[in-house]
Amino acid sequence: MHEAIDEIARGLPFPLLGLDSDNGSEFINMHLFRYCTEQGITFTRSRPYRKNDNCYVEQKNWPVVRQQVGYARYDTASELEALRELYRVLRLYVNFFQPQMKLISKTRRGATVTKRFDQARTPHQRAVESPHVTEAAKAALRRTYLHLNPAQLKRDLARCQARLLQLSVNKPANGKEVKPPPGPRLGGISKAEVFEDIFGDATGDCFEDILT
């Protein structure tokens, strides 16, 4: 956990001042609390069973996690390394080339709710425009952006997903039962077909073409 937080902190264009986690034991323990205390990081947690306390993170669970890596259980060293490689590519693709809108106001008039959003911008653009980011960090972001090719990132992302799919399909069963995701049951559909349906929306490619 400490190594992952250090890696995240090095990649941020601003200082890491705080962590706000859910109530999982991987976060709520003395090791992480001691680490945050030593590093001067404010450590807080959300209330139990209140997902809206972490709403800004929870809303990214589908486009940044499930849509990219699916619902399979990844528990081997090779799968972990494949995930790391995938997220190294995905981080650049999302932060530099995926514009997002932010809610700026919400008003209710009777049964009608009106939401207003700001202009869609990428996280990179928001960081460059922020007064809380140093000029040196902004210059580093601009240099990184100029060396990126969104088409190549997309191809690299599809390659990483294909590799993760291969590892998951070829992995021997370990006897552990994994509950299926919410929704209608997928009777008669193979594991590979489920992955292809999930990943196909994100990549726009057929996995048979990628794997061959």
N, C-alpha and C. Protein backbone atom coordinates (compact mmCIF):
# COMPACT_ATOMS: atom_id res chain seq x y z
N MET A 1 0.82 -1.20 0.00
CA MET A 1 0.00 0.00 0.00
C MET A 1 0.86 1.26 0.00
N HIS A 2 1.93 1.24 0.83
CA HIS A 2 2.79 2.42 0.91
C HIS A 2 3.45 2.71 -0.44
N GLU A 3 3.92 1.65 -1.11
CA GLU A 3 4.57 1.84 -2.41
C GLU A 3 3.60 2.42 -3.43
N ALA A 4 2.34 1.96 -3.41
CA ALA A 4 1.35 2.46 -4.35
C ALA A 4 1.06 3.94 -4.10
N ILE A 5 0.94 4.32 -2.84
CA ILE A 5 0.67 5.73 -2.51
C ILE A 5 1.85 6.59 -2.92
N ASP A 6 3.07 6.11 -2.69
CA ASP A 6 4.25 6.87 -3.10
C ASP A 6 4.27 7.07 -4.62
N GLU A 7 3.91 6.02 -5.35
CA GLU A 7 3.89 6.12 -6.82
C GLU A 7 2.83 7.13 -7.28
N ILE A 8 1.67 7.10 -6.64
CA ILE A 8 0.61 8.06 -6.98
C ILE A 8 1.08 9.48 -6.68
N ALA A 9 1.69 9.68 -5.51
CA ALA A 9 2.12 11.01 -5.11
C ALA A 9 3.15 11.58 -6.09
N ARG A 10 4.05 10.73 -6.58
CA ARG A 10 5.06 11.20 -7.54
C ARG A 10 4.44 11.64 -8.85
N GLY A 11 3.31 11.06 -9.22
CA GLY A 11 2.67 11.41 -10.49
C GLY A 11 1.72 12.58 -10.42
N LEU A 12 1.42 13.07 -9.22
CA LEU A 12 0.48 14.19 -9.08
C LEU A 12 1.18 15.52 -9.36
N PRO A 13 0.49 16.46 -10.00
CA PRO A 13 1.09 17.78 -10.24
C PRO A 13 0.98 18.72 -9.05
N PHE A 14 0.51 18.21 -7.93
CA PHE A 14 0.36 19.00 -6.70
C PHE A 14 0.65 18.10 -5.50
N PRO A 15 0.94 18.66 -4.33
CA PRO A 15 1.26 17.82 -3.17
C PRO A 15 0.06 16.98 -2.73
N LEU A 16 0.34 15.79 -2.26
CA LEU A 16 -0.69 14.92 -1.69
C LEU A 16 -0.89 15.33 -0.23
N LEU A 17 -2.04 15.96 0.06
CA LEU A 17 -2.29 16.49 1.40
C LEU A 17 -3.17 15.58 2.24
N GLY A 18 -4.02 14.74 1.60
CA GLY A 18 -4.94 13.93 2.37
C GLY A 18 -5.40 12.70 1.63
N LEU A 19 -5.84 11.71 2.39
CA LEU A 19 -6.45 10.49 1.86
C LEU A 19 -7.80 10.32 2.53
N ASP A 20 -8.82 9.99 1.73
CA ASP A 20 -10.14 9.69 2.27
C ASP A 20 -10.56 8.34 1.71
N SER A 21 -10.64 7.33 2.55
CA SER A 21 -10.91 5.98 2.10
C SER A 21 -12.27 5.51 2.56
N ASP A 22 -12.66 4.30 2.08
CA ASP A 22 -13.84 3.65 2.64
C ASP A 22 -13.41 2.88 3.89
N ASN A 23 -14.24 1.94 4.34
CA ASN A 23 -13.97 1.28 5.61
C ASN A 23 -13.35 -0.12 5.45
N GLY A 24 -12.76 -0.40 4.30
CA GLY A 24 -12.11 -1.68 4.08
C GLY A 24 -10.87 -1.84 4.95
N SER A 25 -10.59 -3.07 5.35
CA SER A 25 -9.45 -3.33 6.23
C SER A 25 -8.11 -3.04 5.55
N GLU A 26 -8.10 -2.99 4.19
CA GLU A 26 -6.86 -2.65 3.50
C GLU A 26 -6.46 -1.20 3.74
N PHE A 27 -7.44 -0.37 4.17
CA PHE A 27 -7.17 1.03 4.48
C PHE A 27 -7.18 1.31 5.98
N ILE A 28 -8.17 0.76 6.67
CA ILE A 28 -8.32 1.05 8.10
C ILE A 28 -7.42 0.09 8.88
N ASN A 29 -6.19 0.47 9.04
CA ASN A 29 -5.23 -0.32 9.82
C ASN A 29 -4.12 0.61 10.31
N MET A 30 -3.38 0.15 11.30
CA MET A 30 -2.35 0.98 11.92
C MET A 30 -1.18 1.25 10.99
N HIS A 31 -0.92 0.35 10.06
CA HIS A 31 0.21 0.54 9.15
C HIS A 31 -0.01 1.78 8.28
N LEU A 32 -1.20 1.89 7.67
CA LEU A 32 -1.48 3.04 6.82
C LEU A 32 -1.63 4.31 7.65
N PHE A 33 -2.24 4.20 8.83
CA PHE A 33 -2.38 5.37 9.70
C PHE A 33 -1.02 5.91 10.12
N ARG A 34 -0.11 5.01 10.47
CA ARG A 34 1.24 5.44 10.87
C ARG A 34 1.97 6.08 9.70
N TYR A 35 1.81 5.48 8.51
CA TYR A 35 2.45 6.04 7.32
C TYR A 35 1.96 7.46 7.06
N CYS A 36 0.65 7.67 7.09
CA CYS A 36 0.09 9.00 6.84
C CYS A 36 0.55 10.00 7.89
N THR A 37 0.63 9.57 9.14
CA THR A 37 1.10 10.45 10.21
C THR A 37 2.55 10.87 9.98
N GLU A 38 3.39 9.92 9.58
CA GLU A 38 4.80 10.23 9.34
C GLU A 38 4.99 11.14 8.13
N GLN A 39 4.12 10.99 7.12
CA GLN A 39 4.25 11.78 5.89
C GLN A 39 3.49 13.09 5.96
N GLY A 40 2.79 13.36 7.05
CA GLY A 40 2.01 14.59 7.17
C GLY A 40 0.77 14.60 6.29
N ILE A 41 0.19 13.41 6.04
CA ILE A 41 -1.00 13.28 5.21
C ILE A 41 -2.23 13.13 6.10
N THR A 42 -3.23 13.95 5.88
CA THR A 42 -4.48 13.84 6.64
C THR A 42 -5.24 12.60 6.18
N PHE A 43 -5.58 11.73 7.12
CA PHE A 43 -6.24 10.46 6.79
C PHE A 43 -7.64 10.47 7.37
N THR A 44 -8.66 10.41 6.50
CA THR A 44 -10.05 10.36 6.91
C THR A 44 -10.75 9.20 6.24
N ARG A 45 -11.94 8.88 6.70
CA ARG A 45 -12.69 7.78 6.11
C ARG A 45 -14.15 8.19 5.95
N SER A 46 -14.85 7.51 5.06
CA SER A 46 -16.27 7.78 4.86
C SER A 46 -17.09 7.03 5.90
N ARG A 47 -18.35 7.38 5.99
CA ARG A 47 -19.24 6.68 6.91
C ARG A 47 -19.60 5.31 6.34
N PRO A 48 -19.79 4.32 7.21
CA PRO A 48 -20.15 2.98 6.72
C PRO A 48 -21.45 3.01 5.92
N TYR A 49 -21.45 2.32 4.77
CA TYR A 49 -22.63 2.14 3.92
C TYR A 49 -23.15 3.47 3.35
N ARG A 50 -22.28 4.47 3.23
CA ARG A 50 -22.67 5.74 2.63
C ARG A 50 -21.74 6.02 1.45
N LYS A 51 -22.06 5.44 0.30
CA LYS A 51 -21.21 5.58 -0.87
C LYS A 51 -21.11 7.03 -1.34
N ASN A 52 -22.14 7.82 -1.08
CA ASN A 52 -22.12 9.20 -1.53
C ASN A 52 -21.05 10.04 -0.84
N ASP A 53 -20.49 9.54 0.26
CA ASP A 53 -19.39 10.26 0.88
C ASP A 53 -18.17 10.30 -0.03
N ASN A 54 -18.04 9.31 -0.89
CA ASN A 54 -16.95 9.26 -1.87
C ASN A 54 -17.50 9.31 -3.29
N CYS A 55 -18.48 10.18 -3.50
CA CYS A 55 -19.21 10.16 -4.77
C CYS A 55 -18.31 10.48 -5.96
N TYR A 56 -17.31 11.34 -5.80
CA TYR A 56 -16.46 11.70 -6.94
C TYR A 56 -15.61 10.52 -7.39
N VAL A 57 -15.28 9.63 -6.46
CA VAL A 57 -14.54 8.43 -6.81
C VAL A 57 -15.48 7.35 -7.33
N GLU A 58 -16.61 7.17 -6.66
CA GLU A 58 -17.55 6.11 -7.05
C GLU A 58 -18.07 6.30 -8.47
N GLN A 59 -18.24 7.55 -8.91
CA GLN A 59 -18.78 7.78 -10.25
C GLN A 59 -17.80 7.38 -11.35
N LYS A 60 -16.52 7.18 -10.98
CA LYS A 60 -15.52 6.75 -11.96
C LYS A 60 -15.37 5.23 -11.99
N ASN A 61 -16.12 4.53 -11.14
CA ASN A 61 -15.93 3.09 -11.03
C ASN A 61 -16.29 2.36 -12.33
N TRP A 62 -17.30 2.84 -13.04
CA TRP A 62 -17.67 2.20 -14.30
C TRP A 62 -16.74 2.57 -15.46
N PRO A 63 -16.56 3.87 -15.80
CA PRO A 63 -15.75 4.17 -16.99
C PRO A 63 -14.27 3.88 -16.83
N VAL A 64 -13.71 3.98 -15.61
CA VAL A 64 -12.27 3.85 -15.44
C VAL A 64 -11.86 2.47 -14.92
N VAL A 65 -12.80 1.74 -14.34
CA VAL A 65 -12.46 0.42 -13.80
C VAL A 65 -13.19 -0.69 -14.56
N ARG A 66 -14.50 -0.79 -14.38
CA ARG A 66 -15.24 -1.94 -14.93
C ARG A 66 -15.25 -1.94 -16.45
N GLN A 67 -15.38 -0.80 -17.07
CA GLN A 67 -15.42 -0.76 -18.53
C GLN A 67 -14.06 -1.11 -19.14
N GLN A 68 -13.01 -0.98 -18.36
CA GLN A 68 -11.67 -1.24 -18.87
C GLN A 68 -11.15 -2.64 -18.53
N VAL A 69 -11.48 -3.14 -17.33
CA VAL A 69 -10.92 -4.44 -16.91
C VAL A 69 -11.99 -5.46 -16.56
N GLY A 70 -13.27 -5.10 -16.61
CA GLY A 70 -14.33 -6.07 -16.38
C GLY A 70 -14.51 -6.44 -14.92
N TYR A 71 -15.12 -7.62 -14.68
CA TYR A 71 -15.47 -8.06 -13.34
C TYR A 71 -14.70 -9.30 -12.89
N ALA A 72 -13.74 -9.72 -13.65
CA ALA A 72 -13.03 -10.96 -13.31
C ALA A 72 -12.18 -10.76 -12.06
N ARG A 73 -11.77 -11.88 -11.47
CA ARG A 73 -10.90 -11.86 -10.30
C ARG A 73 -9.47 -12.01 -10.77
N TYR A 74 -8.65 -10.99 -10.53
CA TYR A 74 -7.26 -11.01 -10.93
C TYR A 74 -6.40 -11.21 -9.67
N ASP A 75 -5.83 -12.40 -9.52
CA ASP A 75 -5.15 -12.72 -8.27
C ASP A 75 -3.82 -13.42 -8.47
N THR A 76 -3.22 -13.28 -9.65
CA THR A 76 -1.91 -13.86 -9.90
C THR A 76 -0.89 -12.75 -10.16
N ALA A 77 0.39 -13.08 -10.05
CA ALA A 77 1.44 -12.09 -10.26
C ALA A 77 1.44 -11.57 -11.69
N SER A 78 1.19 -12.44 -12.66
CA SER A 78 1.18 -12.01 -14.06
C SER A 78 -0.01 -11.10 -14.33
N GLU A 79 -1.15 -11.38 -13.72
CA GLU A 79 -2.32 -10.51 -13.89
C GLU A 79 -2.09 -9.15 -13.23
N LEU A 80 -1.43 -9.15 -12.10
CA LEU A 80 -1.12 -7.88 -11.43
C LEU A 80 -0.23 -7.02 -12.30
N GLU A 81 0.79 -7.61 -12.90
CA GLU A 81 1.67 -6.85 -13.76
C GLU A 81 0.94 -6.35 -15.00
N ALA A 82 0.02 -7.16 -15.55
CA ALA A 82 -0.78 -6.73 -16.70
C ALA A 82 -1.68 -5.56 -16.33
N LEU A 83 -2.26 -5.61 -15.13
CA LEU A 83 -3.09 -4.49 -14.66
C LEU A 83 -2.27 -3.22 -14.51
N ARG A 84 -1.08 -3.36 -13.96
CA ARG A 84 -0.23 -2.18 -13.79
C ARG A 84 0.10 -1.55 -15.13
N GLU A 85 0.45 -2.38 -16.11
CA GLU A 85 0.77 -1.85 -17.43
C GLU A 85 -0.46 -1.18 -18.05
N LEU A 86 -1.63 -1.79 -17.89
CA LEU A 86 -2.85 -1.23 -18.44
C LEU A 86 -3.14 0.14 -17.84
N TYR A 87 -3.01 0.25 -16.52
CA TYR A 87 -3.33 1.53 -15.88
C TYR A 87 -2.28 2.59 -16.13
N ARG A 88 -1.05 2.21 -16.42
CA ARG A 88 -0.07 3.21 -16.82
C ARG A 88 -0.47 3.87 -18.13
N VAL A 89 -1.04 3.09 -19.04
CA VAL A 89 -1.53 3.65 -20.31
C VAL A 89 -2.84 4.40 -20.10
N LEU A 90 -3.75 3.79 -19.36
CA LEU A 90 -5.07 4.40 -19.16
C LEU A 90 -4.97 5.74 -18.44
N ARG A 91 -4.04 5.87 -17.51
CA ARG A 91 -3.86 7.14 -16.79
C ARG A 91 -3.59 8.29 -17.77
N LEU A 92 -2.72 8.04 -18.73
CA LEU A 92 -2.40 9.08 -19.71
C LEU A 92 -3.58 9.37 -20.63
N TYR A 93 -4.25 8.31 -21.06
CA TYR A 93 -5.37 8.48 -21.99
C TYR A 93 -6.52 9.25 -21.34
N VAL A 94 -6.86 8.92 -20.11
CA VAL A 94 -7.98 9.58 -19.42
C VAL A 94 -7.62 11.01 -19.04
N ASN A 95 -6.45 11.22 -18.47
CA ASN A 95 -6.11 12.54 -17.94
C ASN A 95 -5.76 13.57 -19.01
N PHE A 96 -5.31 13.10 -20.17
CA PHE A 96 -4.90 14.06 -21.20
C PHE A 96 -5.87 14.16 -22.38
N PHE A 97 -6.74 13.15 -22.56
CA PHE A 97 -7.56 13.16 -23.78
C PHE A 97 -9.04 12.88 -23.56
N GLN A 98 -9.50 12.80 -22.32
CA GLN A 98 -10.91 12.55 -22.06
C GLN A 98 -11.53 13.73 -21.33
N PRO A 99 -12.15 14.67 -22.07
CA PRO A 99 -12.77 15.83 -21.41
C PRO A 99 -13.96 15.43 -20.57
N GLN A 100 -14.16 16.16 -19.48
CA GLN A 100 -15.24 15.87 -18.55
C GLN A 100 -15.90 17.18 -18.13
N MET A 101 -17.20 17.10 -17.88
CA MET A 101 -17.94 18.26 -17.38
C MET A 101 -18.12 18.14 -15.88
N LYS A 102 -18.14 19.28 -15.19
CA LYS A 102 -18.38 19.30 -13.75
C LYS A 102 -19.67 20.06 -13.46
N LEU A 103 -20.43 19.52 -12.53
CA LEU A 103 -21.68 20.15 -12.13
C LEU A 103 -21.37 21.44 -11.37
N ILE A 104 -21.98 22.56 -11.80
CA ILE A 104 -21.75 23.84 -11.12
C ILE A 104 -22.99 24.33 -10.38
N SER A 105 -24.18 23.83 -10.76
CA SER A 105 -25.39 24.23 -10.03
C SER A 105 -26.51 23.24 -10.32
N LYS A 106 -27.43 23.14 -9.36
CA LYS A 106 -28.60 22.28 -9.51
C LYS A 106 -29.77 22.96 -8.81
N THR A 107 -30.82 23.22 -9.55
CA THR A 107 -31.99 23.90 -9.00
C THR A 107 -33.23 23.04 -9.22
N ARG A 108 -34.14 23.12 -8.30
CA ARG A 108 -35.39 22.36 -8.39
C ARG A 108 -36.56 23.34 -8.44
N ARG A 109 -37.42 23.13 -9.40
CA ARG A 109 -38.66 23.90 -9.52
C ARG A 109 -39.80 22.90 -9.66
N GLY A 110 -40.47 22.65 -8.55
CA GLY A 110 -41.50 21.62 -8.54
C GLY A 110 -40.85 20.26 -8.72
N ALA A 111 -41.31 19.53 -9.73
CA ALA A 111 -40.75 18.21 -10.01
C ALA A 111 -39.61 18.26 -11.02
N THR A 112 -39.27 19.46 -11.48
CA THR A 112 -38.23 19.61 -12.49
C THR A 112 -36.91 20.00 -11.85
N VAL A 113 -35.88 19.25 -12.16
CA VAL A 113 -34.54 19.53 -11.66
C VAL A 113 -33.68 19.98 -12.83
N THR A 114 -33.07 21.15 -12.71
CA THR A 114 -32.22 21.70 -13.77
C THR A 114 -30.77 21.68 -13.30
N LYS A 115 -29.93 21.02 -14.09
CA LYS A 115 -28.51 20.95 -13.77
C LYS A 115 -27.73 21.76 -14.80
N ARG A 116 -26.73 22.47 -14.33
CA ARG A 116 -25.86 23.24 -15.20
C ARG A 116 -24.42 22.78 -15.00
N PHE A 117 -23.73 22.59 -16.13
CA PHE A 117 -22.36 22.10 -16.09
C PHE A 117 -21.42 23.12 -16.71
N ASP A 118 -20.16 23.03 -16.32
CA ASP A 118 -19.17 23.91 -16.93
C ASP A 118 -18.73 23.35 -18.28
N GLN A 119 -17.85 24.05 -18.95
CA GLN A 119 -17.35 23.59 -20.25
C GLN A 119 -16.50 22.34 -20.05
N ALA A 120 -16.69 21.36 -20.91
CA ALA A 120 -15.94 20.11 -20.80
C ALA A 120 -14.45 20.36 -21.04
N ARG A 121 -13.63 19.89 -20.11
CA ARG A 121 -12.18 20.02 -20.22
C ARG A 121 -11.53 18.75 -19.68
N THR A 122 -10.34 18.47 -20.16
CA THR A 122 -9.61 17.31 -19.65
C THR A 122 -9.00 17.64 -18.30
N PRO A 123 -8.70 16.62 -17.48
CA PRO A 123 -7.99 16.89 -16.23
C PRO A 123 -6.68 17.64 -16.46
N HIS A 124 -6.00 17.36 -17.57
CA HIS A 124 -4.77 18.09 -17.90
C HIS A 124 -5.05 19.58 -18.07
N GLN A 125 -6.09 19.93 -18.79
CA GLN A 125 -6.42 21.34 -18.99
C GLN A 125 -6.80 22.02 -17.67
N ARG A 126 -7.54 21.31 -16.82
CA ARG A 126 -7.93 21.89 -15.53
C ARG A 126 -6.71 22.13 -14.64
N ALA A 127 -5.74 21.20 -14.69
CA ALA A 127 -4.53 21.37 -13.87
C ALA A 127 -3.70 22.55 -14.36
N VAL A 128 -3.59 22.71 -15.69
CA VAL A 128 -2.81 23.81 -16.25
C VAL A 128 -3.45 25.15 -15.91
N GLU A 129 -4.77 25.19 -15.82
CA GLU A 129 -5.47 26.44 -15.52
C GLU A 129 -5.58 26.72 -14.02
N SER A 130 -5.24 25.75 -13.19
CA SER A 130 -5.42 25.90 -11.75
C SER A 130 -4.34 26.79 -11.13
N PRO A 131 -4.71 27.71 -10.23
CA PRO A 131 -3.71 28.53 -9.54
C PRO A 131 -2.97 27.76 -8.45
N HIS A 132 -3.44 26.54 -8.12
CA HIS A 132 -2.83 25.76 -7.05
C HIS A 132 -1.71 24.85 -7.55
N VAL A 133 -1.47 24.85 -8.87
CA VAL A 133 -0.40 24.04 -9.47
C VAL A 133 0.76 24.95 -9.83
N THR A 134 1.96 24.56 -9.47
CA THR A 134 3.14 25.39 -9.72
C THR A 134 3.43 25.48 -11.22
N GLU A 135 4.16 26.51 -11.60
CA GLU A 135 4.51 26.69 -13.01
C GLU A 135 5.43 25.57 -13.50
N ALA A 136 6.28 25.06 -12.62
CA ALA A 136 7.16 23.96 -13.01
C ALA A 136 6.35 22.71 -13.31
N ALA A 137 5.33 22.44 -12.50
CA ALA A 137 4.47 21.27 -12.74
C ALA A 137 3.66 21.45 -14.01
N LYS A 138 3.19 22.66 -14.27
CA LYS A 138 2.44 22.92 -15.50
C LYS A 138 3.32 22.72 -16.73
N ALA A 139 4.57 23.17 -16.66
CA ALA A 139 5.48 22.99 -17.79
C ALA A 139 5.75 21.50 -18.03
N ALA A 140 5.87 20.72 -16.96
CA ALA A 140 6.08 19.28 -17.12
C ALA A 140 4.87 18.61 -17.75
N LEU A 141 3.67 19.06 -17.38
CA LEU A 141 2.45 18.51 -17.98
C LEU A 141 2.38 18.84 -19.47
N ARG A 142 2.75 20.05 -19.83
CA ARG A 142 2.72 20.43 -21.25
C ARG A 142 3.71 19.60 -22.06
N ARG A 143 4.89 19.35 -21.50
CA ARG A 143 5.89 18.53 -22.22
C ARG A 143 5.38 17.10 -22.39
N THR A 144 4.76 16.56 -21.36
CA THR A 144 4.21 15.21 -21.47
C THR A 144 3.12 15.15 -22.53
N TYR A 145 2.26 16.14 -22.54
CA TYR A 145 1.16 16.18 -23.50
C TYR A 145 1.66 16.21 -24.94
N LEU A 146 2.70 16.98 -25.20
CA LEU A 146 3.21 17.12 -26.56
C LEU A 146 3.85 15.84 -27.09
N HIS A 147 4.22 14.93 -26.21
CA HIS A 147 4.85 13.68 -26.63
C HIS A 147 3.86 12.51 -26.70
N LEU A 148 2.57 12.78 -26.49
CA LEU A 148 1.58 11.71 -26.48
C LEU A 148 0.81 11.66 -27.79
N ASN A 149 0.45 10.45 -28.18
CA ASN A 149 -0.37 10.21 -29.37
C ASN A 149 -1.62 9.46 -28.93
N PRO A 150 -2.80 10.08 -28.96
CA PRO A 150 -4.01 9.40 -28.46
C PRO A 150 -4.33 8.11 -29.20
N ALA A 151 -4.06 8.07 -30.51
CA ALA A 151 -4.33 6.85 -31.27
C ALA A 151 -3.43 5.71 -30.80
N GLN A 152 -2.15 6.03 -30.55
CA GLN A 152 -1.23 5.00 -30.08
C GLN A 152 -1.60 4.55 -28.67
N LEU A 153 -2.03 5.48 -27.82
CA LEU A 153 -2.48 5.11 -26.48
C LEU A 153 -3.67 4.16 -26.55
N LYS A 154 -4.58 4.43 -27.48
CA LYS A 154 -5.74 3.56 -27.64
C LYS A 154 -5.33 2.16 -28.08
N ARG A 155 -4.37 2.09 -28.99
CA ARG A 155 -3.88 0.77 -29.44
C ARG A 155 -3.17 0.05 -28.29
N ASP A 156 -2.38 0.79 -27.52
CA ASP A 156 -1.69 0.18 -26.38
C ASP A 156 -2.69 -0.31 -25.35
N LEU A 157 -3.76 0.44 -25.16
CA LEU A 157 -4.78 0.04 -24.20
C LEU A 157 -5.47 -1.25 -24.64
N ALA A 158 -5.78 -1.36 -25.93
CA ALA A 158 -6.40 -2.58 -26.45
C ALA A 158 -5.46 -3.77 -26.32
N ARG A 159 -4.16 -3.54 -26.54
CA ARG A 159 -3.19 -4.62 -26.39
C ARG A 159 -3.12 -5.09 -24.94
N CYS A 160 -3.13 -4.17 -23.99
CA CYS A 160 -3.09 -4.54 -22.57
C CYS A 160 -4.35 -5.29 -22.16
N GLN A 161 -5.49 -4.88 -22.69
CA GLN A 161 -6.75 -5.56 -22.37
C GLN A 161 -6.75 -6.97 -22.94
N ALA A 162 -6.21 -7.11 -24.15
CA ALA A 162 -6.14 -8.45 -24.75
C ALA A 162 -5.24 -9.35 -23.94
N ARG A 163 -4.14 -8.81 -23.45
CA ARG A 163 -3.22 -9.60 -22.62
C ARG A 163 -3.91 -10.01 -21.32
N LEU A 164 -4.63 -9.10 -20.70
CA LEU A 164 -5.34 -9.42 -19.46
C LEU A 164 -6.41 -10.47 -19.71
N LEU A 165 -7.08 -10.38 -20.84
CA LEU A 165 -8.10 -11.37 -21.19
C LEU A 165 -7.48 -12.75 -21.35
N GLN A 166 -6.36 -12.83 -22.05
CA GLN A 166 -5.69 -14.12 -22.23
C GLN A 166 -5.31 -14.75 -20.90
N LEU A 167 -4.75 -13.95 -20.01
CA LEU A 167 -4.32 -14.46 -18.71
C LEU A 167 -5.50 -14.98 -17.91
N SER A 168 -6.62 -14.26 -17.97
CA SER A 168 -7.79 -14.66 -17.19
C SER A 168 -8.45 -15.92 -17.75
N VAL A 169 -8.55 -16.00 -19.07
CA VAL A 169 -9.20 -17.16 -19.70
C VAL A 169 -8.37 -18.42 -19.52
N ASN A 170 -7.05 -18.29 -19.59
CA ASN A 170 -6.17 -19.46 -19.52
C ASN A 170 -5.81 -19.85 -18.08
N LYS A 171 -6.26 -19.08 -17.12
CA LYS A 171 -5.90 -19.37 -15.72
C LYS A 171 -6.67 -20.58 -15.22
N PRO A 172 -6.02 -21.54 -14.58
CA PRO A 172 -6.75 -22.69 -14.05
C PRO A 172 -7.66 -22.29 -12.90
N ALA A 173 -8.77 -22.99 -12.77
CA ALA A 173 -9.73 -22.69 -11.70
C ALA A 173 -9.10 -22.99 -10.36
N ASN A 174 -9.34 -22.09 -9.37
CA ASN A 174 -8.76 -22.28 -8.04
C ASN A 174 -9.79 -22.72 -7.02
N GLY A 175 -11.02 -23.00 -7.46
CA GLY A 175 -12.05 -23.50 -6.56
C GLY A 175 -12.81 -22.44 -5.81
N LYS A 176 -12.44 -21.17 -5.99
CA LYS A 176 -13.14 -20.10 -5.29
C LYS A 176 -14.37 -19.67 -6.08
N GLU A 177 -15.44 -19.46 -5.40
CA GLU A 177 -16.68 -19.04 -6.05
C GLU A 177 -16.75 -17.53 -6.06
N VAL A 178 -16.95 -16.96 -7.24
CA VAL A 178 -17.08 -15.52 -7.39
C VAL A 178 -18.50 -15.20 -7.81
N LYS A 179 -19.15 -14.35 -7.06
CA LYS A 179 -20.53 -14.00 -7.36
C LYS A 179 -20.59 -13.20 -8.66
N PRO A 180 -21.58 -13.46 -9.52
CA PRO A 180 -21.71 -12.71 -10.76
C PRO A 180 -22.12 -11.28 -10.49
N PRO A 181 -21.85 -10.35 -11.41
CA PRO A 181 -22.26 -8.96 -11.22
C PRO A 181 -23.77 -8.83 -11.26
N PRO A 182 -24.32 -7.71 -10.76
CA PRO A 182 -25.77 -7.51 -10.81
C PRO A 182 -26.28 -7.50 -12.24
N GLY A 183 -27.54 -7.90 -12.41
CA GLY A 183 -28.12 -7.90 -13.74
C GLY A 183 -28.59 -9.28 -14.14
N PRO A 184 -29.07 -9.41 -15.35
CA PRO A 184 -29.56 -10.72 -15.81
C PRO A 184 -28.45 -11.74 -15.90
N ARG A 185 -28.79 -12.98 -15.63
CA ARG A 185 -27.80 -14.05 -15.69
C ARG A 185 -27.36 -14.29 -17.12
N LEU A 186 -26.09 -14.66 -17.26
CA LEU A 186 -25.50 -14.87 -18.58
C LEU A 186 -25.44 -16.36 -18.90
N GLY A 187 -26.59 -17.01 -18.91
CA GLY A 187 -26.63 -18.44 -19.15
C GLY A 187 -26.19 -18.80 -20.55
N GLY A 188 -25.29 -19.80 -20.63
CA GLY A 188 -24.85 -20.29 -21.93
C GLY A 188 -23.80 -19.44 -22.61
N ILE A 189 -23.30 -18.39 -21.92
CA ILE A 189 -22.30 -17.53 -22.54
C ILE A 189 -20.95 -17.83 -21.89
N SER A 190 -19.93 -17.98 -22.69
CA SER A 190 -18.61 -18.32 -22.17
C SER A 190 -17.96 -17.12 -21.52
N LYS A 191 -16.92 -17.41 -20.73
CA LYS A 191 -16.20 -16.34 -20.05
C LYS A 191 -15.56 -15.38 -21.05
N ALA A 192 -15.00 -15.92 -22.12
CA ALA A 192 -14.37 -15.07 -23.12
C ALA A 192 -15.38 -14.14 -23.78
N GLU A 193 -16.60 -14.64 -24.04
CA GLU A 193 -17.63 -13.81 -24.66
C GLU A 193 -18.06 -12.69 -23.73
N VAL A 194 -18.12 -12.97 -22.43
CA VAL A 194 -18.48 -11.93 -21.47
C VAL A 194 -17.44 -10.82 -21.51
N PHE A 195 -16.15 -11.20 -21.49
CA PHE A 195 -15.09 -10.21 -21.53
C PHE A 195 -15.14 -9.41 -22.82
N GLU A 196 -15.42 -10.09 -23.93
CA GLU A 196 -15.46 -9.38 -25.21
C GLU A 196 -16.57 -8.35 -25.22
N ASP A 197 -17.72 -8.68 -24.64
CA ASP A 197 -18.82 -7.72 -24.58
C ASP A 197 -18.46 -6.52 -23.73
N ILE A 198 -17.79 -6.76 -22.60
CA ILE A 198 -17.43 -5.66 -21.71
C ILE A 198 -16.37 -4.78 -22.33
N PHE A 199 -15.30 -5.40 -22.87
CA PHE A 199 -14.21 -4.64 -23.41
C PHE A 199 -14.55 -4.02 -24.77
N GLY A 200 -15.46 -4.64 -25.49
CA GLY A 200 -15.76 -4.15 -26.83
C GLY A 200 -16.29 -2.73 -26.82
N ASP A 201 -17.09 -2.38 -25.78
CA ASP A 201 -17.63 -1.03 -25.69
C ASP A 201 -16.51 -0.01 -25.52
N ALA A 202 -15.45 -0.41 -24.81
CA ALA A 202 -14.37 0.53 -24.55
C ALA A 202 -13.40 0.64 -25.71
N THR A 203 -13.13 -0.46 -26.40
CA THR A 203 -12.10 -0.47 -27.43
C THR A 203 -12.64 -0.32 -28.84
N GLY A 204 -13.89 -0.74 -29.06
CA GLY A 204 -14.44 -0.71 -30.40
C GLY A 204 -13.86 -1.78 -31.29
N ASP A 205 -13.14 -2.74 -30.72
CA ASP A 205 -12.48 -3.78 -31.49
C ASP A 205 -13.07 -5.14 -31.13
N CYS A 206 -12.85 -6.09 -32.01
CA CYS A 206 -13.23 -7.49 -31.73
C CYS A 206 -12.02 -8.20 -31.15
N PHE A 207 -12.19 -8.89 -30.04
CA PHE A 207 -11.04 -9.49 -29.39
C PHE A 207 -10.47 -10.64 -30.20
N GLU A 208 -11.26 -11.26 -31.05
CA GLU A 208 -10.70 -12.30 -31.90
C GLU A 208 -9.65 -11.70 -32.83
N ASP A 209 -9.93 -10.45 -33.30
CA ASP A 209 -8.97 -9.79 -34.18
C ASP A 209 -7.72 -9.38 -33.40
N ILE A 210 -7.91 -8.93 -32.16
CA ILE A 210 -6.78 -8.49 -31.36
C ILE A 210 -5.88 -9.65 -31.01
N LEU A 211 -6.50 -10.77 -30.59
CA LEU A 211 -5.71 -11.91 -30.13
C LEU A 211 -4.97 -12.61 -31.25
N THR A 212 -5.48 -12.47 -32.47
CA THR A 212 -4.81 -13.10 -33.61
C THR A 212 -3.90 -12.12 -34.32
